[in-house]
Amino acid sequence: MKDASETIFSLRPVTFHYKPEVTKDAAPQFGLIAEEVVKVNPDLVVRDANGKIHSVRYEAVNAMMLNELIKEHRQVEEQQEQIDKLTAQIKEQAALIQKVNDKIEMLRPEPQIVANDR
């Protein structure tokens, strides 16, 4: 599927209610408007025998979402590996800085007290 699934980022999820002649259930529905989907990707809609848009192919949209989720998951894993490496490097650098600071402290001369005999 590679980058073909990226078209889902152009889709606009909506909340809607079916017309009373379609169903008596007045519960809000969640989905996509097929007339908008066809503009983004014509392969994601079902048409009737006359070519009129009938519905959204949600099974295809779901597969595309899964593909994008997998891509994002891989990217997160790669980023976590980078974070772990950078964290280890920072710890190493902090340890080296501490060693240098310790050496500098050892090389500093002790303060000397001068007696004032007047």
N, C-alpha and C. Protein backbone atom coordinates (compact mmCIF):
# COMPACT_ATOMS: atom_id res chain seq x y z
N MET A 1 0.83 -1.20 0.00
CA MET A 1 0.00 0.00 0.00
C MET A 1 0.87 1.26 0.00
N LYS A 2 2.04 1.19 0.63
CA LYS A 2 2.99 2.29 0.70
C LYS A 2 2.32 3.62 1.01
N ASP A 3 2.44 4.59 0.11
CA ASP A 3 1.93 5.94 0.35
C ASP A 3 0.48 6.13 -0.09
N ALA A 4 -0.12 5.12 -0.72
CA ALA A 4 -1.50 5.25 -1.20
C ALA A 4 -2.47 5.55 -0.07
N SER A 5 -2.14 5.08 1.12
CA SER A 5 -3.05 5.27 2.25
C SER A 5 -3.02 6.70 2.80
N GLU A 6 -2.08 7.50 2.36
CA GLU A 6 -1.99 8.87 2.86
C GLU A 6 -3.18 9.74 2.45
N THR A 7 -3.96 9.28 1.49
CA THR A 7 -5.13 10.06 1.09
C THR A 7 -6.15 10.16 2.21
N ILE A 8 -6.10 9.25 3.18
CA ILE A 8 -7.07 9.32 4.28
C ILE A 8 -6.90 10.59 5.11
N PHE A 9 -5.72 11.19 5.05
CA PHE A 9 -5.51 12.43 5.82
C PHE A 9 -6.32 13.60 5.25
N SER A 10 -6.82 13.42 4.04
CA SER A 10 -7.65 14.46 3.43
C SER A 10 -9.14 14.24 3.69
N LEU A 11 -9.47 13.14 4.34
CA LEU A 11 -10.87 12.86 4.63
C LEU A 11 -11.32 13.64 5.87
N ARG A 12 -12.60 13.96 5.91
CA ARG A 12 -13.16 14.75 7.00
C ARG A 12 -14.23 13.95 7.72
N PRO A 13 -13.91 13.41 8.88
CA PRO A 13 -14.92 12.67 9.65
C PRO A 13 -16.03 13.61 10.11
N VAL A 14 -17.24 13.09 10.16
CA VAL A 14 -18.39 13.90 10.55
C VAL A 14 -19.30 13.12 11.50
N THR A 15 -20.15 13.86 12.17
CA THR A 15 -21.25 13.29 12.95
C THR A 15 -22.52 13.64 12.18
N PHE A 16 -23.41 12.65 12.05
CA PHE A 16 -24.64 12.90 11.29
C PHE A 16 -25.78 12.04 11.84
N HIS A 17 -26.97 12.32 11.36
CA HIS A 17 -28.15 11.52 11.70
C HIS A 17 -28.75 11.03 10.38
N TYR A 18 -29.18 9.77 10.37
CA TYR A 18 -29.86 9.25 9.18
C TYR A 18 -31.23 9.90 9.05
N LYS A 19 -31.69 10.01 7.83
CA LYS A 19 -33.04 10.53 7.59
C LYS A 19 -34.04 9.56 8.22
N PRO A 20 -35.17 10.09 8.70
CA PRO A 20 -36.17 9.22 9.35
C PRO A 20 -36.66 8.09 8.44
N GLU A 21 -36.69 8.31 7.14
CA GLU A 21 -37.15 7.25 6.24
C GLU A 21 -36.11 6.12 6.09
N VAL A 22 -34.87 6.40 6.50
CA VAL A 22 -33.83 5.37 6.44
C VAL A 22 -33.87 4.53 7.71
N THR A 23 -33.95 5.19 8.86
CA THR A 23 -33.99 4.47 10.13
C THR A 23 -34.70 5.32 11.17
N LYS A 24 -35.37 4.67 12.10
CA LYS A 24 -36.05 5.38 13.19
C LYS A 24 -35.07 5.72 14.31
N ASP A 25 -33.90 5.12 14.27
CA ASP A 25 -32.88 5.36 15.29
C ASP A 25 -32.34 6.78 15.14
N ALA A 26 -32.52 7.59 16.16
CA ALA A 26 -32.09 8.99 16.10
C ALA A 26 -30.69 9.18 16.67
N ALA A 27 -30.02 8.08 16.99
CA ALA A 27 -28.67 8.18 17.57
C ALA A 27 -27.71 8.81 16.57
N PRO A 28 -26.79 9.63 17.06
CA PRO A 28 -25.81 10.21 16.13
C PRO A 28 -24.92 9.13 15.53
N GLN A 29 -24.58 9.31 14.30
CA GLN A 29 -23.71 8.39 13.58
C GLN A 29 -22.37 9.09 13.32
N PHE A 30 -21.35 8.31 13.13
CA PHE A 30 -20.02 8.86 12.87
C PHE A 30 -19.51 8.24 11.58
N GLY A 31 -18.97 9.06 10.71
CA GLY A 31 -18.49 8.51 9.46
C GLY A 31 -17.96 9.58 8.53
N LEU A 32 -18.13 9.30 7.24
CA LEU A 32 -17.65 10.18 6.18
C LEU A 32 -18.79 10.46 5.22
N ILE A 33 -18.73 11.56 4.54
CA ILE A 33 -19.72 11.90 3.51
C ILE A 33 -19.17 11.40 2.18
N ALA A 34 -19.88 10.46 1.59
CA ALA A 34 -19.40 9.80 0.37
C ALA A 34 -19.11 10.81 -0.75
N GLU A 35 -19.91 11.86 -0.85
CA GLU A 35 -19.69 12.86 -1.90
C GLU A 35 -18.38 13.62 -1.69
N GLU A 36 -17.94 13.73 -0.44
CA GLU A 36 -16.63 14.34 -0.17
C GLU A 36 -15.51 13.33 -0.41
N VAL A 37 -15.75 12.09 -0.02
CA VAL A 37 -14.74 11.04 -0.16
C VAL A 37 -14.38 10.83 -1.62
N VAL A 38 -15.36 10.86 -2.50
CA VAL A 38 -15.11 10.61 -3.92
C VAL A 38 -14.16 11.64 -4.52
N LYS A 39 -14.17 12.86 -3.97
CA LYS A 39 -13.26 13.91 -4.44
C LYS A 39 -11.82 13.63 -4.01
N VAL A 40 -11.67 12.95 -2.88
CA VAL A 40 -10.34 12.63 -2.35
C VAL A 40 -9.80 11.37 -3.02
N ASN A 41 -10.65 10.34 -3.08
CA ASN A 41 -10.24 9.06 -3.67
C ASN A 41 -11.48 8.33 -4.17
N PRO A 42 -11.72 8.35 -5.47
CA PRO A 42 -12.92 7.72 -6.03
C PRO A 42 -13.03 6.23 -5.75
N ASP A 43 -11.90 5.58 -5.48
CA ASP A 43 -11.93 4.14 -5.19
C ASP A 43 -12.50 3.82 -3.82
N LEU A 44 -12.74 4.82 -3.01
CA LEU A 44 -13.25 4.59 -1.65
C LEU A 44 -14.76 4.71 -1.54
N VAL A 45 -15.45 4.77 -2.67
CA VAL A 45 -16.91 4.82 -2.63
C VAL A 45 -17.50 3.67 -3.44
N VAL A 46 -18.72 3.32 -3.08
CA VAL A 46 -19.48 2.30 -3.81
C VAL A 46 -20.53 3.04 -4.63
N ARG A 47 -20.67 2.63 -5.87
CA ARG A 47 -21.67 3.25 -6.75
C ARG A 47 -22.74 2.21 -7.10
N ASP A 48 -23.94 2.69 -7.38
CA ASP A 48 -24.99 1.77 -7.80
C ASP A 48 -24.87 1.49 -9.30
N ALA A 49 -25.80 0.74 -9.83
CA ALA A 49 -25.75 0.33 -11.25
C ALA A 49 -25.77 1.53 -12.19
N ASN A 50 -26.33 2.66 -11.74
CA ASN A 50 -26.41 3.86 -12.56
C ASN A 50 -25.19 4.77 -12.38
N GLY A 51 -24.26 4.36 -11.53
CA GLY A 51 -23.07 5.16 -11.29
C GLY A 51 -23.23 6.19 -10.19
N LYS A 52 -24.40 6.20 -9.55
CA LYS A 52 -24.65 7.15 -8.47
C LYS A 52 -23.93 6.67 -7.20
N ILE A 53 -23.33 7.62 -6.49
CA ILE A 53 -22.61 7.28 -5.26
C ILE A 53 -23.60 6.72 -4.25
N HIS A 54 -23.25 5.57 -3.70
CA HIS A 54 -24.14 4.89 -2.75
C HIS A 54 -23.62 4.96 -1.32
N SER A 55 -22.32 4.65 -1.11
CA SER A 55 -21.78 4.67 0.24
C SER A 55 -20.25 4.67 0.21
N VAL A 56 -19.68 4.75 1.39
CA VAL A 56 -18.22 4.73 1.55
C VAL A 56 -17.77 3.29 1.76
N ARG A 57 -16.65 2.94 1.19
CA ARG A 57 -16.06 1.61 1.41
C ARG A 57 -15.22 1.67 2.69
N TYR A 58 -15.90 1.56 3.82
CA TYR A 58 -15.22 1.70 5.11
C TYR A 58 -14.17 0.62 5.32
N GLU A 59 -14.35 -0.56 4.76
CA GLU A 59 -13.34 -1.61 4.92
C GLU A 59 -12.02 -1.18 4.28
N ALA A 60 -12.09 -0.45 3.18
CA ALA A 60 -10.87 0.06 2.53
C ALA A 60 -10.27 1.19 3.35
N VAL A 61 -11.13 2.07 3.88
CA VAL A 61 -10.66 3.17 4.72
C VAL A 61 -9.97 2.59 5.96
N ASN A 62 -10.57 1.55 6.57
CA ASN A 62 -9.97 0.92 7.74
C ASN A 62 -8.60 0.33 7.42
N ALA A 63 -8.48 -0.32 6.28
CA ALA A 63 -7.19 -0.90 5.89
C ALA A 63 -6.15 0.21 5.69
N MET A 64 -6.57 1.31 5.11
CA MET A 64 -5.66 2.43 4.90
C MET A 64 -5.23 3.03 6.25
N MET A 65 -6.19 3.14 7.18
CA MET A 65 -5.85 3.65 8.51
C MET A 65 -4.86 2.72 9.21
N LEU A 66 -5.06 1.42 9.06
CA LEU A 66 -4.14 0.46 9.66
C LEU A 66 -2.74 0.63 9.07
N ASN A 67 -2.66 0.81 7.77
CA ASN A 67 -1.36 1.02 7.14
C ASN A 67 -0.67 2.26 7.69
N GLU A 68 -1.42 3.34 7.84
CA GLU A 68 -0.84 4.57 8.38
C GLU A 68 -0.44 4.39 9.85
N LEU A 69 -1.23 3.66 10.60
CA LEU A 69 -0.90 3.38 11.99
C LEU A 69 0.42 2.60 12.08
N ILE A 70 0.57 1.60 11.24
CA ILE A 70 1.81 0.80 11.23
C ILE A 70 2.99 1.68 10.87
N LYS A 71 2.84 2.55 9.87
CA LYS A 71 3.94 3.45 9.49
C LYS A 71 4.31 4.37 10.65
N GLU A 72 3.30 4.92 11.33
CA GLU A 72 3.56 5.80 12.46
C GLU A 72 4.23 5.04 13.60
N HIS A 73 3.78 3.81 13.83
CA HIS A 73 4.37 3.00 14.90
C HIS A 73 5.85 2.74 14.63
N ARG A 74 6.17 2.41 13.40
CA ARG A 74 7.59 2.19 13.03
C ARG A 74 8.41 3.46 13.26
N GLN A 75 7.84 4.59 12.89
CA GLN A 75 8.54 5.85 13.08
C GLN A 75 8.76 6.13 14.57
N VAL A 76 7.76 5.86 15.39
CA VAL A 76 7.90 6.06 16.83
C VAL A 76 9.00 5.14 17.38
N GLU A 77 9.03 3.91 16.92
CA GLU A 77 10.08 2.98 17.37
C GLU A 77 11.47 3.50 16.99
N GLU A 78 11.61 3.98 15.75
CA GLU A 78 12.90 4.53 15.31
C GLU A 78 13.27 5.75 16.14
N GLN A 79 12.31 6.60 16.41
CA GLN A 79 12.58 7.79 17.22
C GLN A 79 12.98 7.40 18.64
N GLN A 80 12.35 6.36 19.19
CA GLN A 80 12.70 5.91 20.53
C GLN A 80 14.14 5.39 20.56
N GLU A 81 14.54 4.67 19.51
CA GLU A 81 15.93 4.21 19.42
C GLU A 81 16.89 5.39 19.41
N GLN A 82 16.55 6.42 18.63
CA GLN A 82 17.39 7.62 18.59
C GLN A 82 17.43 8.30 19.95
N ILE A 83 16.30 8.40 20.61
CA ILE A 83 16.25 9.01 21.94
C ILE A 83 17.13 8.23 22.91
N ASP A 84 17.05 6.90 22.86
CA ASP A 84 17.86 6.07 23.75
C ASP A 84 19.35 6.27 23.50
N LYS A 85 19.74 6.35 22.22
CA LYS A 85 21.15 6.57 21.89
C LYS A 85 21.61 7.95 22.36
N LEU A 86 20.80 8.96 22.11
CA LEU A 86 21.16 10.31 22.52
C LEU A 86 21.22 10.44 24.04
N THR A 87 20.32 9.76 24.73
CA THR A 87 20.34 9.78 26.19
C THR A 87 21.62 9.15 26.71
N ALA A 88 22.03 8.03 26.11
CA ALA A 88 23.28 7.38 26.51
C ALA A 88 24.48 8.30 26.25
N GLN A 89 24.47 8.98 25.11
CA GLN A 89 25.56 9.91 24.79
C GLN A 89 25.61 11.06 25.80
N ILE A 90 24.45 11.57 26.16
CA ILE A 90 24.41 12.67 27.13
C ILE A 90 24.95 12.21 28.48
N LYS A 91 24.62 11.00 28.88
CA LYS A 91 25.13 10.47 30.15
C LYS A 91 26.65 10.32 30.09
N GLU A 92 27.16 9.82 28.95
CA GLU A 92 28.61 9.69 28.79
C GLU A 92 29.28 11.06 28.86
N GLN A 93 28.70 12.03 28.18
CA GLN A 93 29.27 13.38 28.19
C GLN A 93 29.22 13.99 29.58
N ALA A 94 28.14 13.76 30.30
CA ALA A 94 28.04 14.29 31.66
C ALA A 94 29.12 13.67 32.55
N ALA A 95 29.37 12.38 32.37
CA ALA A 95 30.41 11.72 33.15
C ALA A 95 31.79 12.29 32.81
N LEU A 96 32.04 12.52 31.53
CA LEU A 96 33.32 13.10 31.12
C LEU A 96 33.47 14.53 31.66
N ILE A 97 32.44 15.29 31.60
CA ILE A 97 32.47 16.66 32.13
C ILE A 97 32.77 16.63 33.63
N GLN A 98 32.15 15.70 34.33
CA GLN A 98 32.40 15.59 35.76
C GLN A 98 33.85 15.23 36.03
N LYS A 99 34.43 14.35 35.23
CA LYS A 99 35.85 13.98 35.40
C LYS A 99 36.75 15.19 35.19
N VAL A 100 36.46 15.96 34.14
CA VAL A 100 37.26 17.16 33.87
C VAL A 100 37.11 18.15 35.02
N ASN A 101 35.90 18.34 35.49
CA ASN A 101 35.69 19.25 36.62
C ASN A 101 36.45 18.78 37.86
N ASP A 102 36.44 17.48 38.09
CA ASP A 102 37.17 16.94 39.25
C ASP A 102 38.67 17.20 39.11
N LYS A 103 39.23 17.03 37.91
CA LYS A 103 40.66 17.27 37.68
C LYS A 103 41.00 18.75 37.87
N ILE A 104 40.12 19.61 37.38
CA ILE A 104 40.35 21.05 37.54
C ILE A 104 40.36 21.41 39.02
N GLU A 105 39.44 20.85 39.77
CA GLU A 105 39.39 21.12 41.21
C GLU A 105 40.66 20.65 41.90
N MET A 106 41.20 19.51 41.48
CA MET A 106 42.43 18.99 42.09
C MET A 106 43.63 19.86 41.75
N LEU A 107 43.63 20.49 40.60
CA LEU A 107 44.76 21.31 40.16
C LEU A 107 44.72 22.73 40.72
N ARG A 108 43.60 23.14 41.25
CA ARG A 108 43.49 24.48 41.81
C ARG A 108 44.36 24.57 43.06
N PRO A 109 45.12 25.62 43.15
CA PRO A 109 45.94 25.76 44.36
C PRO A 109 45.07 26.09 45.56
N GLU A 110 45.54 25.64 46.70
CA GLU A 110 44.83 25.94 47.95
C GLU A 110 44.95 27.43 48.22
N PRO A 111 43.93 28.04 48.73
CA PRO A 111 44.06 29.46 49.07
C PRO A 111 45.12 29.63 50.17
N GLN A 112 45.94 30.64 49.99
CA GLN A 112 47.00 30.89 50.98
C GLN A 112 46.64 32.08 51.83
N ILE A 113 46.96 31.95 53.08
CA ILE A 113 46.67 33.03 54.04
C ILE A 113 47.95 33.81 54.23
N VAL A 114 47.87 35.07 54.04
CA VAL A 114 49.02 35.94 54.23
C VAL A 114 48.86 36.65 55.58
N ALA A 115 49.90 36.54 56.35
CA ALA A 115 49.85 37.19 57.66
C ALA A 115 50.24 38.63 57.49
N ASN A 116 49.54 39.48 58.13
CA ASN A 116 49.82 40.90 58.08
C ASN A 116 50.46 41.29 59.42
N ASP A 117 51.82 41.43 59.43
CA ASP A 117 52.54 41.75 60.67
C ASP A 117 52.85 43.23 60.73
N ARG A 118 52.12 44.00 61.22
CA ARG A 118 52.37 45.44 61.37
C ARG A 118 52.49 45.81 62.77
